[in-house]
Structures are given as C-alpha cells and as structure tokens.
Amino acid sequence: MKKFLVLAASLMLAASPAAAQQSVSDAAPAVSAPVTTSAATVDAQLFPSRDQVRQQVAAAEAKHADAPPGSTSWWYTVAAVAVGVIIALLLLD
C-alpha cells in the first residue's frame, strides 16, 4: 500500500505544474469595464441571439485556426506523468 501511495503522490506532484500552466494559459485576461446592470444588458448576456452566437463561434474558430493540431499542453502533461513515474520508481528502490 505504501508503494501505491508514494507512486500516486509523486504523480500528483509532477503533474501539478503542467496542470497549473494549462489553467493559466486557458484563462482569458481580465478586462476592466464599467459595470452596468440594466435588464436589457442582462437579458442579452443570458439569452444571446443566433447571430451573436455565430459571431462568437467564428471568433473562437479564427483564434484557434493557426494552432497546430497537436496540443503542446497535452505533451507537457505526458512528460510530467513520465517524470512522476521515474521519481516514484527511484523512491521505491
């Protein structure tokens, strides 16, 4: 049981920086704007029209169009897990 716990702990320790980098890179930068809370604004945000949704989808696709098909953050996670396994094997011997 001790070997399993050491393995799990080292995997979590090695994968946490990669997960943190991924969450930071996916987060959108905060933009400070004046706060308006009218009923029309809230309704427009909660229930967008089809044209607004199409524009948002087109903007998201254009943003990711230049990205390569393989995600680099996925490779960082794989590398972090591999390092975790190596550390666990070294600790268990």
C-alpha atoms as a PDB file:
ATOM      1  CA  MET A   1       0.000   0.000   0.000  1.00  0.00           C
ATOM      2  CA  LYS A   2       2.896   2.321   0.782  1.00  0.00           C
ATOM      3  CA  LYS A   3       4.309   1.872  -2.723  1.00  0.00           C
ATOM      4  CA  PHE A   4       0.977   2.807  -4.284  1.00  0.00           C
ATOM      5  CA  LEU A   5       0.661   5.937  -2.146  1.00  0.00           C
ATOM      6  CA  VAL A   6       4.215   7.032  -2.997  1.00  0.00           C
ATOM      7  CA  LEU A   7       3.506   6.466  -6.680  1.00  0.00           C
ATOM      8  CA  ALA A   8       0.261   8.453  -6.546  1.00  0.00           C
ATOM      9  CA  ALA A   9       1.868  11.299  -4.592  1.00  0.00           C
ATOM     10  CA  SER A  10       4.800  11.607  -6.966  1.00  0.00           C
ATOM     11  CA  LEU A  11       2.484  11.570  -9.986  1.00  0.00           C
ATOM     12  CA  MET A  12       0.391  14.354  -8.499  1.00  0.00           C
ATOM     13  CA  LEU A  13       3.492  16.334  -7.582  1.00  0.00           C
ATOM     14  CA  ALA A  14       4.942  16.023 -11.062  1.00  0.00           C
ATOM     15  CA  ALA A  15       1.677  16.767 -12.897  1.00  0.00           C
ATOM     16  CA  SER A  16       0.616  19.800 -10.857  1.00  0.00           C
ATOM     17  CA  PRO A  17       2.885  22.358 -12.631  1.00  0.00           C
ATOM     18  CA  ALA A  18       1.629  21.213 -16.026  1.00  0.00           C
ATOM     19  CA  ALA A  19      -1.993  21.476 -14.885  1.00  0.00           C
ATOM     20  CA  ALA A  20      -1.338  24.940 -13.454  1.00  0.00           C
ATOM     21  CA  GLN A  21       0.251  26.108 -16.704  1.00  0.00           C
ATOM     22  CA  GLN A  22      -2.676  24.805 -18.686  1.00  0.00           C
ATOM     23  CA  SER A  23      -5.242  26.556 -16.494  1.00  0.00           C
ATOM     24  CA  VAL A  24      -3.329  29.848 -16.703  1.00  0.00           C
ATOM     25  CA  SER A  25      -2.964  29.678 -20.484  1.00  0.00           C
ATOM     26  CA  ASP A  26      -6.663  28.892 -20.968  1.00  0.00           C
ATOM     27  CA  ALA A  27      -7.852  31.772 -18.774  1.00  0.00           C
ATOM     28  CA  ALA A  28      -8.870  34.927 -20.566  1.00  0.00           C
ATOM     29  CA  PRO A  29      -7.275  38.172 -19.422  1.00  0.00           C
ATOM     30  CA  ALA A  30      -9.495  40.284 -17.211  1.00  0.00           C
ATOM     31  CA  VAL A  31     -10.710  43.484 -18.797  1.00  0.00           C
ATOM     32  CA  SER A  32     -11.877  46.267 -16.539  1.00  0.00           C
ATOM     33  CA  ALA A  33     -15.061  47.838 -17.837  1.00  0.00           C
ATOM     34  CA  PRO A  34     -17.752  49.938 -16.233  1.00  0.00           C
ATOM     35  CA  VAL A  35     -20.413  47.850 -14.576  1.00  0.00           C
ATOM     36  CA  THR A  36     -23.894  48.317 -15.987  1.00  0.00           C
ATOM     37  CA  THR A  37     -26.742  46.260 -14.665  1.00  0.00           C
ATOM     38  CA  SER A  38     -29.719  47.099 -16.792  1.00  0.00           C
ATOM     39  CA  ALA A  39     -32.335  44.464 -17.500  1.00  0.00           C
ATOM     40  CA  ALA A  40     -31.713  44.620 -21.247  1.00  0.00           C
ATOM     41  CA  THR A  41     -27.982  44.005 -20.810  1.00  0.00           C
ATOM     42  CA  VAL A  42     -28.559  41.053 -18.516  1.00  0.00           C
ATOM     43  CA  ASP A  43     -31.127  39.544 -20.888  1.00  0.00           C
ATOM     44  CA  ALA A  44     -28.777  39.983 -23.852  1.00  0.00           C
ATOM     45  CA  GLN A  45     -25.984  38.243 -21.961  1.00  0.00           C
ATOM     46  CA  LEU A  46     -28.146  35.377 -20.723  1.00  0.00           C
ATOM     47  CA  PHE A  47     -30.072  34.843 -23.943  1.00  0.00           C
ATOM     48  CA  PRO A  48     -27.850  35.744 -26.929  1.00  0.00           C
ATOM     49  CA  SER A  49     -29.335  35.790 -30.387  1.00  0.00           C
ATOM     50  CA  ARG A  50     -28.296  33.273 -33.024  1.00  0.00           C
ATOM     51  CA  ASP A  51     -26.259  35.928 -34.803  1.00  0.00           C
ATOM     52  CA  GLN A  52     -24.325  36.697 -31.620  1.00  0.00           C
ATOM     53  CA  VAL A  53     -23.616  33.009 -31.078  1.00  0.00           C
ATOM     54  CA  ARG A  54     -22.433  32.629 -34.686  1.00  0.00           C
ATOM     55  CA  GLN A  55     -20.122  35.616 -34.274  1.00  0.00           C
ATOM     56  CA  GLN A  56     -18.664  34.194 -31.057  1.00  0.00           C
ATOM     57  CA  VAL A  57     -18.121  30.786 -32.679  1.00  0.00           C
ATOM     58  CA  ALA A  58     -16.473  32.360 -35.723  1.00  0.00           C
ATOM     59  CA  ALA A  59     -14.190  34.419 -33.462  1.00  0.00           C
ATOM     60  CA  ALA A  60     -13.209  31.328 -31.459  1.00  0.00           C
ATOM     61  CA  GLU A  61     -12.516  29.326 -34.619  1.00  0.00           C
ATOM     62  CA  ALA A  62     -10.427  32.149 -36.061  1.00  0.00           C
ATOM     63  CA  LYS A  63      -8.459  32.348 -32.816  1.00  0.00           C
ATOM     64  CA  HIS A  64      -7.640  28.631 -32.908  1.00  0.00           C
ATOM     65  CA  ALA A  65      -7.209  28.315 -36.679  1.00  0.00           C
ATOM     66  CA  ASP A  66      -3.460  28.953 -36.521  1.00  0.00           C
ATOM     67  CA  ALA A  67      -2.864  26.447 -33.723  1.00  0.00           C
ATOM     68  CA  PRO A  68      -1.172  23.159 -34.658  1.00  0.00           C
ATOM     69  CA  PRO A  69      -3.360  20.041 -34.489  1.00  0.00           C
ATOM     70  CA  GLY A  70      -1.418  18.558 -31.561  1.00  0.00           C
ATOM     71  CA  SER A  71      -1.762  20.457 -28.315  1.00  0.00           C
ATOM     72  CA  THR A  72       1.532  21.217 -26.591  1.00  0.00           C
ATOM     73  CA  SER A  73      -0.078  21.307 -23.159  1.00  0.00           C
ATOM     74  CA  TRP A  74      -1.043  17.662 -23.628  1.00  0.00           C
ATOM     75  CA  TRP A  75       2.618  16.774 -24.234  1.00  0.00           C
ATOM     76  CA  TYR A  76       3.627  18.696 -21.102  1.00  0.00           C
ATOM     77  CA  THR A  77       1.158  16.614 -19.100  1.00  0.00           C
ATOM     78  CA  VAL A  78       2.528  13.384 -20.587  1.00  0.00           C
ATOM     79  CA  ALA A  79       6.081  14.470 -19.772  1.00  0.00           C
ATOM     80  CA  ALA A  80       5.085  15.405 -16.223  1.00  0.00           C
ATOM     81  CA  VAL A  81       3.492  11.988 -15.663  1.00  0.00           C
ATOM     82  CA  ALA A  82       6.586  10.266 -17.055  1.00  0.00           C
ATOM     83  CA  VAL A  83       8.821  12.247 -14.692  1.00  0.00           C
ATOM     84  CA  GLY A  84       6.489  11.342 -11.835  1.00  0.00           C
ATOM     85  CA  VAL A  85       6.758   7.648 -12.644  1.00  0.00           C
ATOM     86  CA  ILE A  86      10.559   7.865 -12.762  1.00  0.00           C
ATOM     87  CA  ILE A  87      10.655   9.685  -9.409  1.00  0.00           C
ATOM     88  CA  ALA A  88       8.323   7.085  -7.896  1.00  0.00           C
ATOM     89  CA  LEU A  89      10.470   4.239  -9.159  1.00  0.00           C
ATOM     90  CA  LEU A  90      13.589   5.881  -7.725  1.00  0.00           C
ATOM     91  CA  LEU A  91      11.909   6.428  -4.353  1.00  0.00           C
ATOM     92  CA  LEU A  92      10.629   2.856  -4.151  1.00  0.00           C
ATOM     93  CA  ASP A  93      14.025   1.246  -4.788  1.00  0.00           C
END
